[in-house]
Amino acid sequence: MAPIQLSENYRIEKDQYSWILVFSETREKKNKKTSKLRPFVFEDRWFYPDIKQLLRKYVDLDTKQCNSIDEIIKKLEFISTKIDSLSNTIFKK
């Protein structure tokens, strides 16, 4: 199964045992010898037995950065639209 992109930083992957929520982001790391910054891709993964738990975690993580009710509402609308669009992928009705 090809990964499903939820947002710029989050995607869903599937292995034979679990659903995987993957966060990836380009960050910079300082080289200890030269003191120059160089980019690298940071990834974090959460494993779930079902997609419902994965989506709950995604909503929780993606709304943490919101600073106001308006931001939360906009974020939840975006997430809801994205989840609805998943029905046209591997979750065909």
PDB file of N, CA and C in Angstrom:
ATOM      1  N   MET A   1       0.839  -1.178   0.000  1.00  0.00           N
ATOM      2  CA  MET A   1       0.000   0.000   0.000  1.00  0.00           C
ATOM      3  C   MET A   1       0.886   1.245   0.000  1.00  0.00           C
ATOM      4  N   ALA A   2       0.564   2.167  -0.871  1.00  0.00           N
ATOM      5  CA  ALA A   2       1.298   3.423  -0.943  1.00  0.00           C
ATOM      6  C   ALA A   2       0.917   4.308   0.245  1.00  0.00           C
ATOM      7  N   PRO A   3       1.845   5.116   0.742  1.00  0.00           N
ATOM      8  CA  PRO A   3       1.521   6.010   1.858  1.00  0.00           C
ATOM      9  C   PRO A   3       0.408   6.987   1.487  1.00  0.00           C
ATOM     10  N   ILE A   4      -0.386   7.358   2.476  1.00  0.00           N
ATOM     11  CA  ILE A   4      -1.460   8.332   2.290  1.00  0.00           C
ATOM     12  C   ILE A   4      -1.040   9.608   3.003  1.00  0.00           C
ATOM     13  N   GLN A   5      -0.891  10.686   2.250  1.00  0.00           N
ATOM     14  CA  GLN A   5      -0.458  11.965   2.818  1.00  0.00           C
ATOM     15  C   GLN A   5      -1.655  12.645   3.463  1.00  0.00           C
ATOM     16  N   LEU A   6      -1.574  12.897   4.774  1.00  0.00           N
ATOM     17  CA  LEU A   6      -2.640  13.581   5.495  1.00  0.00           C
ATOM     18  C   LEU A   6      -2.445  15.091   5.494  1.00  0.00           C
ATOM     19  N   SER A   7      -1.220  15.514   5.653  1.00  0.00           N
ATOM     20  CA  SER A   7      -0.875  16.936   5.640  1.00  0.00           C
ATOM     21  C   SER A   7       0.590  17.041   5.238  1.00  0.00           C
ATOM     22  N   GLU A   8       1.124  18.223   5.321  1.00  0.00           N
ATOM     23  CA  GLU A   8       2.509  18.423   4.911  1.00  0.00           C
ATOM     24  C   GLU A   8       3.469  17.529   5.698  1.00  0.00           C
ATOM     25  N   ASN A   9       3.187  17.319   6.975  1.00  0.00           N
ATOM     26  CA  ASN A   9       4.118  16.583   7.822  1.00  0.00           C
ATOM     27  C   ASN A   9       3.650  15.190   8.227  1.00  0.00           C
ATOM     28  N   TYR A  10       2.396  14.861   8.014  1.00  0.00           N
ATOM     29  CA  TYR A  10       1.872  13.573   8.484  1.00  0.00           C
ATOM     30  C   TYR A  10       1.415  12.708   7.318  1.00  0.00           C
ATOM     31  N   ARG A  11       1.684  11.412   7.456  1.00  0.00           N
ATOM     32  CA  ARG A  11       1.209  10.455   6.455  1.00  0.00           C
ATOM     33  C   ARG A  11       0.865   9.135   7.157  1.00  0.00           C
ATOM     34  N   ILE A  12       0.087   8.329   6.468  1.00  0.00           N
ATOM     35  CA  ILE A  12      -0.286   7.005   6.965  1.00  0.00           C
ATOM     36  C   ILE A  12       0.448   5.969   6.137  1.00  0.00           C
ATOM     37  N   GLU A  13       1.035   5.007   6.816  1.00  0.00           N
ATOM     38  CA  GLU A  13       1.642   3.850   6.154  1.00  0.00           C
ATOM     39  C   GLU A  13       1.007   2.602   6.746  1.00  0.00           C
ATOM     40  N   LYS A  14       1.122   1.499   6.041  1.00  0.00           N
ATOM     41  CA  LYS A  14       0.541   0.239   6.495  1.00  0.00           C
ATOM     42  C   LYS A  14       1.571  -0.854   6.312  1.00  0.00           C
ATOM     43  N   ASP A  15       1.746  -1.658   7.360  1.00  0.00           N
ATOM     44  CA  ASP A  15       2.519  -2.878   7.195  1.00  0.00           C
ATOM     45  C   ASP A  15       1.573  -4.038   7.448  1.00  0.00           C
ATOM     46  N   GLN A  16       2.076  -5.240   7.479  1.00  0.00           N
ATOM     47  CA  GLN A  16       1.166  -6.385   7.595  1.00  0.00           C
ATOM     48  C   GLN A  16       0.539  -6.509   8.974  1.00  0.00           C
ATOM     49  N   TYR A  17       1.071  -5.797   9.972  1.00  0.00           N
ATOM     50  CA  TYR A  17       0.566  -5.917  11.329  1.00  0.00           C
ATOM     51  C   TYR A  17      -0.139  -4.683  11.865  1.00  0.00           C
ATOM     52  N   SER A  18       0.174  -3.500  11.345  1.00  0.00           N
ATOM     53  CA  SER A  18      -0.366  -2.294  11.969  1.00  0.00           C
ATOM     54  C   SER A  18      -0.464  -1.126  10.992  1.00  0.00           C
ATOM     55  N   TRP A  19      -1.181  -0.113  11.458  1.00  0.00           N
ATOM     56  CA  TRP A  19      -1.256   1.171  10.783  1.00  0.00           C
ATOM     57  C   TRP A  19      -0.206   2.058  11.423  1.00  0.00           C
ATOM     58  N   ILE A  20       0.479   2.863  10.633  1.00  0.00           N
ATOM     59  CA  ILE A  20       1.581   3.676  11.142  1.00  0.00           C
ATOM     60  C   ILE A  20       1.331   5.137  10.785  1.00  0.00           C
ATOM     61  N   LEU A  21       1.319   5.979  11.815  1.00  0.00           N
ATOM     62  CA  LEU A  21       1.258   7.416  11.607  1.00  0.00           C
ATOM     63  C   LEU A  21       2.695   7.925  11.618  1.00  0.00           C
ATOM     64  N   VAL A  22       3.087   8.599  10.540  1.00  0.00           N
ATOM     65  CA  VAL A  22       4.470   9.059  10.403  1.00  0.00           C
ATOM     66  C   VAL A  22       4.487  10.580  10.336  1.00  0.00           C
ATOM     67  N   PHE A  23       5.286  11.165  11.216  1.00  0.00           N
ATOM     68  CA  PHE A  23       5.551  12.600  11.177  1.00  0.00           C
ATOM     69  C   PHE A  23       6.942  12.770  10.603  1.00  0.00           C
ATOM     70  N   SER A  24       7.085  13.624   9.592  1.00  0.00           N
ATOM     71  CA  SER A  24       8.412  13.903   9.047  1.00  0.00           C
ATOM     72  C   SER A  24       8.542  15.400   8.805  1.00  0.00           C
ATOM     73  N   GLU A  25       9.753  15.876   9.064  1.00  0.00           N
ATOM     74  CA  GLU A  25      10.006  17.301   8.953  1.00  0.00           C
ATOM     75  C   GLU A  25      11.494  17.511   8.693  1.00  0.00           C
ATOM     76  N   THR A  26      11.806  18.465   7.828  1.00  0.00           N
ATOM     77  CA  THR A  26      13.197  18.802   7.582  1.00  0.00           C
ATOM     78  C   THR A  26      13.665  19.752   8.680  1.00  0.00           C
ATOM     79  N   ARG A  27      14.763  19.373   9.300  1.00  0.00           N
ATOM     80  CA  ARG A  27      15.342  20.184  10.367  1.00  0.00           C
ATOM     81  C   ARG A  27      16.819  20.401  10.058  1.00  0.00           C
ATOM     82  N   GLU A  28      17.447  21.220  10.879  1.00  0.00           N
ATOM     83  CA  GLU A  28      18.875  21.465  10.693  1.00  0.00           C
ATOM     84  C   GLU A  28      19.656  20.961  11.901  1.00  0.00           C
ATOM     85  N   LYS A  29      20.814  20.400  11.601  1.00  0.00           N
ATOM     86  CA  LYS A  29      21.694  19.875  12.637  1.00  0.00           C
ATOM     87  C   LYS A  29      23.048  20.541  12.486  1.00  0.00           C
ATOM     88  N   LYS A  30      23.635  20.893  13.612  1.00  0.00           N
ATOM     89  CA  LYS A  30      24.944  21.544  13.583  1.00  0.00           C
ATOM     90  C   LYS A  30      26.040  20.484  13.555  1.00  0.00           C
ATOM     91  N   ASN A  31      26.942  20.618  12.599  1.00  0.00           N
ATOM     92  CA  ASN A  31      28.081  19.729  12.507  1.00  0.00           C
ATOM     93  C   ASN A  31      29.059  20.106  13.620  1.00  0.00           C
ATOM     94  N   LYS A  32      29.449  19.137  14.428  1.00  0.00           N
ATOM     95  CA  LYS A  32      30.315  19.410  15.582  1.00  0.00           C
ATOM     96  C   LYS A  32      31.709  19.894  15.176  1.00  0.00           C
ATOM     97  N   LYS A  33      32.212  19.411  14.065  1.00  0.00           N
ATOM     98  CA  LYS A  33      33.562  19.791  13.641  1.00  0.00           C
ATOM     99  C   LYS A  33      33.595  21.152  12.953  1.00  0.00           C
ATOM    100  N   THR A  34      32.647  21.377  12.045  1.00  0.00           N
ATOM    101  CA  THR A  34      32.681  22.610  11.255  1.00  0.00           C
ATOM    102  C   THR A  34      31.731  23.689  11.767  1.00  0.00           C
ATOM    103  N   SER A  35      30.836  23.338  12.659  1.00  0.00           N
ATOM    104  CA  SER A  35      29.816  24.252  13.209  1.00  0.00           C
ATOM    105  C   SER A  35      28.842  24.757  12.148  1.00  0.00           C
ATOM    106  N   LYS A  36      28.802  24.108  11.007  1.00  0.00           N
ATOM    107  CA  LYS A  36      27.848  24.480   9.960  1.00  0.00           C
ATOM    108  C   LYS A  36      26.555  23.701  10.159  1.00  0.00           C
ATOM    109  N   LEU A  37      25.462  24.346   9.782  1.00  0.00           N
ATOM    110  CA  LEU A  37      24.174  23.682   9.851  1.00  0.00           C
ATOM    111  C   LEU A  37      23.948  22.888   8.578  1.00  0.00           C
ATOM    112  N   ARG A  38      23.422  21.692   8.752  1.00  0.00           N
ATOM    113  CA  ARG A  38      23.085  20.889   7.565  1.00  0.00           C
ATOM    114  C   ARG A  38      21.695  20.299   7.771  1.00  0.00           C
ATOM    115  N   PRO A  39      20.920  20.211   6.697  1.00  0.00           N
ATOM    116  CA  PRO A  39      19.550  19.703   6.821  1.00  0.00           C
ATOM    117  C   PRO A  39      19.519  18.180   6.982  1.00  0.00           C
ATOM    118  N   PHE A  40      18.497  17.711   7.687  1.00  0.00           N
ATOM    119  CA  PHE A  40      18.222  16.285   7.787  1.00  0.00           C
ATOM    120  C   PHE A  40      16.717  16.114   7.966  1.00  0.00           C
ATOM    121  N   VAL A  41      16.218  14.924   7.683  1.00  0.00           N
ATOM    122  CA  VAL A  41      14.794  14.655   7.826  1.00  0.00           C
ATOM    123  C   VAL A  41      14.570  13.927   9.147  1.00  0.00           C
ATOM    124  N   PHE A  42      13.815  14.579  10.018  1.00  0.00           N
ATOM    125  CA  PHE A  42      13.432  13.979  11.295  1.00  0.00           C
ATOM    126  C   PHE A  42      12.129  13.221  11.088  1.00  0.00           C
ATOM    127  N   GLU A  43      12.050  12.000  11.610  1.00  0.00           N
ATOM    128  CA  GLU A  43      10.815  11.209  11.525  1.00  0.00           C
ATOM    129  C   GLU A  43      10.464  10.632  12.882  1.00  0.00           C
ATOM    130  N   ASP A  44       9.169  10.617  13.144  1.00  0.00           N
ATOM    131  CA  ASP A  44       8.634   9.968  14.339  1.00  0.00           C
ATOM    132  C   ASP A  44       7.486   9.082  13.881  1.00  0.00           C
ATOM    133  N   ARG A  45       7.343   7.924  14.509  1.00  0.00           N
ATOM    134  CA  ARG A  45       6.326   6.948  14.080  1.00  0.00           C
ATOM    135  C   ARG A  45       5.523   6.453  15.269  1.00  0.00           C
ATOM    136  N   TRP A  46       4.213   6.295  15.043  1.00  0.00           N
ATOM    137  CA  TRP A  46       3.314   5.704  16.036  1.00  0.00           C
ATOM    138  C   TRP A  46       2.588   4.553  15.368  1.00  0.00           C
ATOM    139  N   PHE A  47       2.513   3.430  16.062  1.00  0.00           N
ATOM    140  CA  PHE A  47       1.929   2.205  15.508  1.00  0.00           C
ATOM    141  C   PHE A  47       0.593   1.917  16.193  1.00  0.00           C
ATOM    142  N   TYR A  48      -0.427   1.580  15.379  1.00  0.00           N
ATOM    143  CA  TYR A  48      -1.774   1.319  15.895  1.00  0.00           C
ATOM    144  C   TYR A  48      -2.371   0.085  15.231  1.00  0.00           C
ATOM    145  N   PRO A  49      -3.189  -0.653  15.977  1.00  0.00           N
ATOM    146  CA  PRO A  49      -3.821  -1.843  15.403  1.00  0.00           C
ATOM    147  C   PRO A  49      -4.984  -1.507  14.469  1.00  0.00           C
ATOM    148  N   ASP A  50      -5.571  -0.301  14.627  1.00  0.00           N
ATOM    149  CA  ASP A  50      -6.652   0.073  13.708  1.00  0.00           C
ATOM    150  C   ASP A  50      -6.561   1.554  13.332  1.00  0.00           C
ATOM    151  N   ILE A  51      -7.210   1.874  12.245  1.00  0.00           N
ATOM    152  CA  ILE A  51      -7.118   3.217  11.666  1.00  0.00           C
ATOM    153  C   ILE A  51      -7.799   4.254  12.548  1.00  0.00           C
ATOM    154  N   LYS A  52      -8.821   3.862  13.291  1.00  0.00           N
ATOM    155  CA  LYS A  52      -9.546   4.797  14.152  1.00  0.00           C
ATOM    156  C   LYS A  52      -8.620   5.381  15.225  1.00  0.00           C
ATOM    157  N   GLN A  53      -7.824   4.546  15.839  1.00  0.00           N
ATOM    158  CA  GLN A  53      -6.877   5.019  16.853  1.00  0.00           C
ATOM    159  C   GLN A  53      -5.821   5.928  16.225  1.00  0.00           C
ATOM    160  N   LEU A  54      -5.359   5.565  15.057  1.00  0.00           N
ATOM    161  CA  LEU A  54      -4.375   6.382  14.350  1.00  0.00           C
ATOM    162  C   LEU A  54      -4.927   7.773  14.073  1.00  0.00           C
ATOM    163  N   LEU A  55      -6.159   7.853  13.587  1.00  0.00           N
ATOM    164  CA  LEU A  55      -6.745   9.148  13.262  1.00  0.00           C
ATOM    165  C   LEU A  55      -6.982   9.993  14.509  1.00  0.00           C
ATOM    166  N   ARG A  56      -7.311   9.363  15.620  1.00  0.00           N
ATOM    167  CA  ARG A  56      -7.441  10.106  16.886  1.00  0.00           C
ATOM    168  C   ARG A  56      -6.107  10.747  17.272  1.00  0.00           C
ATOM    169  N   LYS A  57      -5.039   9.985  17.150  1.00  0.00           N
ATOM    170  CA  LYS A  57      -3.706  10.500  17.469  1.00  0.00           C
ATOM    171  C   LYS A  57      -3.330  11.643  16.528  1.00  0.00           C
ATOM    172  N   TYR A  58      -3.638  11.482  15.255  1.00  0.00           N
ATOM    173  CA  TYR A  58      -3.354  12.524  14.272  1.00  0.00           C
ATOM    174  C   TYR A  58      -4.070  13.827  14.633  1.00  0.00           C
ATOM    175  N   VAL A  59      -5.348  13.743  14.964  1.00  0.00           N
ATOM    176  CA  VAL A  59      -6.107  14.933  15.348  1.00  0.00           C
ATOM    177  C   VAL A  59      -5.475  15.574  16.584  1.00  0.00           C
ATOM    178  N   ASP A  60      -5.131  14.763  17.560  1.00  0.00           N
ATOM    179  CA  ASP A  60      -4.513  15.267  18.784  1.00  0.00           C
ATOM    180  C   ASP A  60      -3.192  15.990  18.482  1.00  0.00           C
ATOM    181  N   LEU A  61      -2.335  15.367  17.715  1.00  0.00           N
ATOM    182  CA  LEU A  61      -1.031  15.951  17.398  1.00  0.00           C
ATOM    183  C   LEU A  61      -1.143  17.197  16.529  1.00  0.00           C
ATOM    184  N   ASP A  62      -2.018  17.147  15.555  1.00  0.00           N
ATOM    185  CA  ASP A  62      -2.092  18.240  14.587  1.00  0.00           C
ATOM    186  C   ASP A  62      -2.784  19.474  15.157  1.00  0.00           C
ATOM    187  N   THR A  63      -3.592  19.327  16.186  1.00  0.00           N
ATOM    188  CA  THR A  63      -4.259  20.486  16.776  1.00  0.00           C
ATOM    189  C   THR A  63      -3.473  21.082  17.955  1.00  0.00           C
ATOM    190  N   LYS A  64      -2.421  20.431  18.388  1.00  0.00           N
ATOM    191  CA  LYS A  64      -1.626  20.944  19.510  1.00  0.00           C
ATOM    192  C   LYS A  64      -0.994  22.296  19.219  1.00  0.00           C
ATOM    193  N   GLN A  65      -0.700  22.566  17.978  1.00  0.00           N
ATOM    194  CA  GLN A  65      -0.027  23.812  17.611  1.00  0.00           C
ATOM    195  C   GLN A  65      -0.986  25.002  17.544  1.00  0.00           C
ATOM    196  N   CYS A  66      -2.273  24.756  17.653  1.00  0.00           N
ATOM    197  CA  CYS A  66      -3.259  25.833  17.561  1.00  0.00           C
ATOM    198  C   CYS A  66      -3.238  26.691  18.816  1.00  0.00           C
ATOM    199  N   ASN A  67      -3.356  28.003  18.610  1.00  0.00           N
ATOM    200  CA  ASN A  67      -3.305  28.948  19.729  1.00  0.00           C
ATOM    201  C   ASN A  67      -4.643  29.609  20.027  1.00  0.00           C
ATOM    202  N   SER A  68      -5.645  29.343  19.209  1.00  0.00           N
ATOM    203  CA  SER A  68      -6.958  29.949  19.438  1.00  0.00           C
ATOM    204  C   SER A  68      -8.052  28.999  18.990  1.00  0.00           C
ATOM    205  N   ILE A  69      -9.261  29.297  19.408  1.00  0.00           N
ATOM    206  CA  ILE A  69     -10.415  28.484  19.018  1.00  0.00           C
ATOM    207  C   ILE A  69     -10.604  28.528  17.506  1.00  0.00           C
ATOM    208  N   ASP A  70     -10.404  29.698  16.911  1.00  0.00           N
ATOM    209  CA  ASP A  70     -10.550  29.823  15.454  1.00  0.00           C
ATOM    210  C   ASP A  70      -9.559  28.921  14.720  1.00  0.00           C
ATOM    211  N   GLU A  71      -8.336  28.867  15.196  1.00  0.00           N
ATOM    212  CA  GLU A  71      -7.331  27.986  14.580  1.00  0.00           C
ATOM    213  C   GLU A  71      -7.740  26.528  14.725  1.00  0.00           C
ATOM    214  N   ILE A  72      -8.239  26.167  15.886  1.00  0.00           N
ATOM    215  CA  ILE A  72      -8.672  24.776  16.110  1.00  0.00           C
ATOM    216  C   ILE A  72      -9.821  24.426  15.170  1.00  0.00           C
ATOM    217  N   ILE A  73     -10.776  25.326  15.031  1.00  0.00           N
ATOM    218  CA  ILE A  73     -11.917  25.077  14.145  1.00  0.00           C
ATOM    219  C   ILE A  73     -11.450  24.892  12.702  1.00  0.00           C
ATOM    220  N   LYS A  74     -10.576  25.776  12.239  1.00  0.00           N
ATOM    221  CA  LYS A  74     -10.055  25.663  10.866  1.00  0.00           C
ATOM    222  C   LYS A  74      -9.287  24.359  10.678  1.00  0.00           C
ATOM    223  N   LYS A  75      -8.475  24.020  11.673  1.00  0.00           N
ATOM    224  CA  LYS A  75      -7.686  22.782  11.591  1.00  0.00           C
ATOM    225  C   LYS A  75      -8.601  21.563  11.561  1.00  0.00           C
ATOM    226  N   LEU A  76      -9.621  21.544  12.417  1.00  0.00           N
ATOM    227  CA  LEU A  76     -10.553  20.411  12.458  1.00  0.00           C
ATOM    228  C   LEU A  76     -11.359  20.299  11.172  1.00  0.00           C
ATOM    229  N   GLU A  77     -11.719  21.427  10.571  1.00  0.00           N
ATOM    230  CA  GLU A  77     -12.412  21.393   9.275  1.00  0.00           C
ATOM    231  C   GLU A  77     -11.511  20.792   8.204  1.00  0.00           C
ATOM    232  N   PHE A  78     -10.239  21.204   8.198  1.00  0.00           N
ATOM    233  CA  PHE A  78      -9.279  20.645   7.236  1.00  0.00           C
ATOM    234  C   PHE A  78      -9.129  19.134   7.448  1.00  0.00           C
ATOM    235  N   ILE A  79      -8.973  18.732   8.703  1.00  0.00           N
ATOM    236  CA  ILE A  79      -8.801  17.310   9.022  1.00  0.00           C
ATOM    237  C   ILE A  79     -10.040  16.516   8.629  1.00  0.00           C
ATOM    238  N   SER A  80     -11.201  17.060   8.914  1.00  0.00           N
ATOM    239  CA  SER A  80     -12.451  16.380   8.556  1.00  0.00           C
ATOM    240  C   SER A  80     -12.565  16.192   7.045  1.00  0.00           C
ATOM    241  N   THR A  81     -12.229  17.225   6.301  1.00  0.00           N
ATOM    242  CA  THR A  81     -12.257  17.137   4.835  1.00  0.00           C
ATOM    243  C   THR A  81     -11.266  16.087   4.339  1.00  0.00           C
ATOM    244  N   LYS A  82     -10.088  16.080   4.921  1.00  0.00           N
ATOM    245  CA  LYS A  82      -9.057  15.121   4.517  1.00  0.00           C
ATOM    246  C   LYS A  82      -9.495  13.693   4.828  1.00  0.00           C
ATOM    247  N   ILE A  83     -10.061  13.466   6.000  1.00  0.00           N
ATOM    248  CA  ILE A  83     -10.523  12.132   6.371  1.00  0.00           C
ATOM    249  C   ILE A  83     -11.662  11.692   5.455  1.00  0.00           C
ATOM    250  N   ASP A  84     -12.574  12.611   5.128  1.00  0.00           N
ATOM    251  CA  ASP A  84     -13.657  12.281   4.191  1.00  0.00           C
ATOM    252  C   ASP A  84     -13.109  11.878   2.829  1.00  0.00           C
ATOM    253  N   SER A  85     -12.023  12.524   2.406  1.00  0.00           N
ATOM    254  CA  SER A  85     -11.446  12.200   1.100  1.00  0.00           C
ATOM    255  C   SER A  85     -10.777  10.825   1.096  1.00  0.00           C
ATOM    256  N   LEU A  86     -10.460  10.294   2.259  1.00  0.00           N
ATOM    257  CA  LEU A  86      -9.841   8.967   2.325  1.00  0.00           C
ATOM    258  C   LEU A  86     -10.795   7.873   1.851  1.00  0.00           C
ATOM    259  N   SER A  87     -12.085   8.152   1.875  1.00  0.00           N
ATOM    260  CA  SER A  87     -13.047   7.149   1.426  1.00  0.00           C
ATOM    261  C   SER A  87     -12.861   6.827  -0.057  1.00  0.00           C
ATOM    262  N   ASN A  88     -12.162   7.679  -0.784  1.00  0.00           N
ATOM    263  CA  ASN A  88     -11.909   7.442  -2.206  1.00  0.00           C
ATOM    264  C   ASN A  88     -10.575   6.720  -2.440  1.00  0.00           C
ATOM    265  N   THR A  89      -9.899   6.348  -1.368  1.00  0.00           N
ATOM    266  CA  THR A  89      -8.626   5.650  -1.529  1.00  0.00           C
ATOM    267  C   THR A  89      -8.834   4.188  -1.184  1.00  0.00           C
ATOM    268  N   ILE A  90      -8.094   3.674  -0.239  1.00  0.00           N
ATOM    269  CA  ILE A  90      -8.211   2.266   0.114  1.00  0.00           C
ATOM    270  C   ILE A  90      -9.447   1.952   0.942  1.00  0.00           C
ATOM    271  N   PHE A  91     -10.152   2.995   1.399  1.00  0.00           N
ATOM    272  CA  PHE A  91     -11.338   2.806   2.235  1.00  0.00           C
ATOM    273  C   PHE A  91     -12.606   2.947   1.424  1.00  0.00           C
ATOM    274  N   LYS A  92     -12.659   2.306   0.289  1.00  0.00           N
ATOM    275  CA  LYS A  92     -13.837   2.428  -0.583  1.00  0.00           C
ATOM    276  C   LYS A  92     -15.040   1.835   0.109  1.00  0.00           C
ATOM    277  N   LYS A  93     -16.169   2.550  -0.055  1.00  0.00           N
ATOM    278  CA  LYS A  93     -17.421   2.120   0.583  1.00  0.00           C
ATOM    279  C   LYS A  93     -18.024   0.929  -0.122  1.00  0.00           C
TER     280      LYS A  93
END
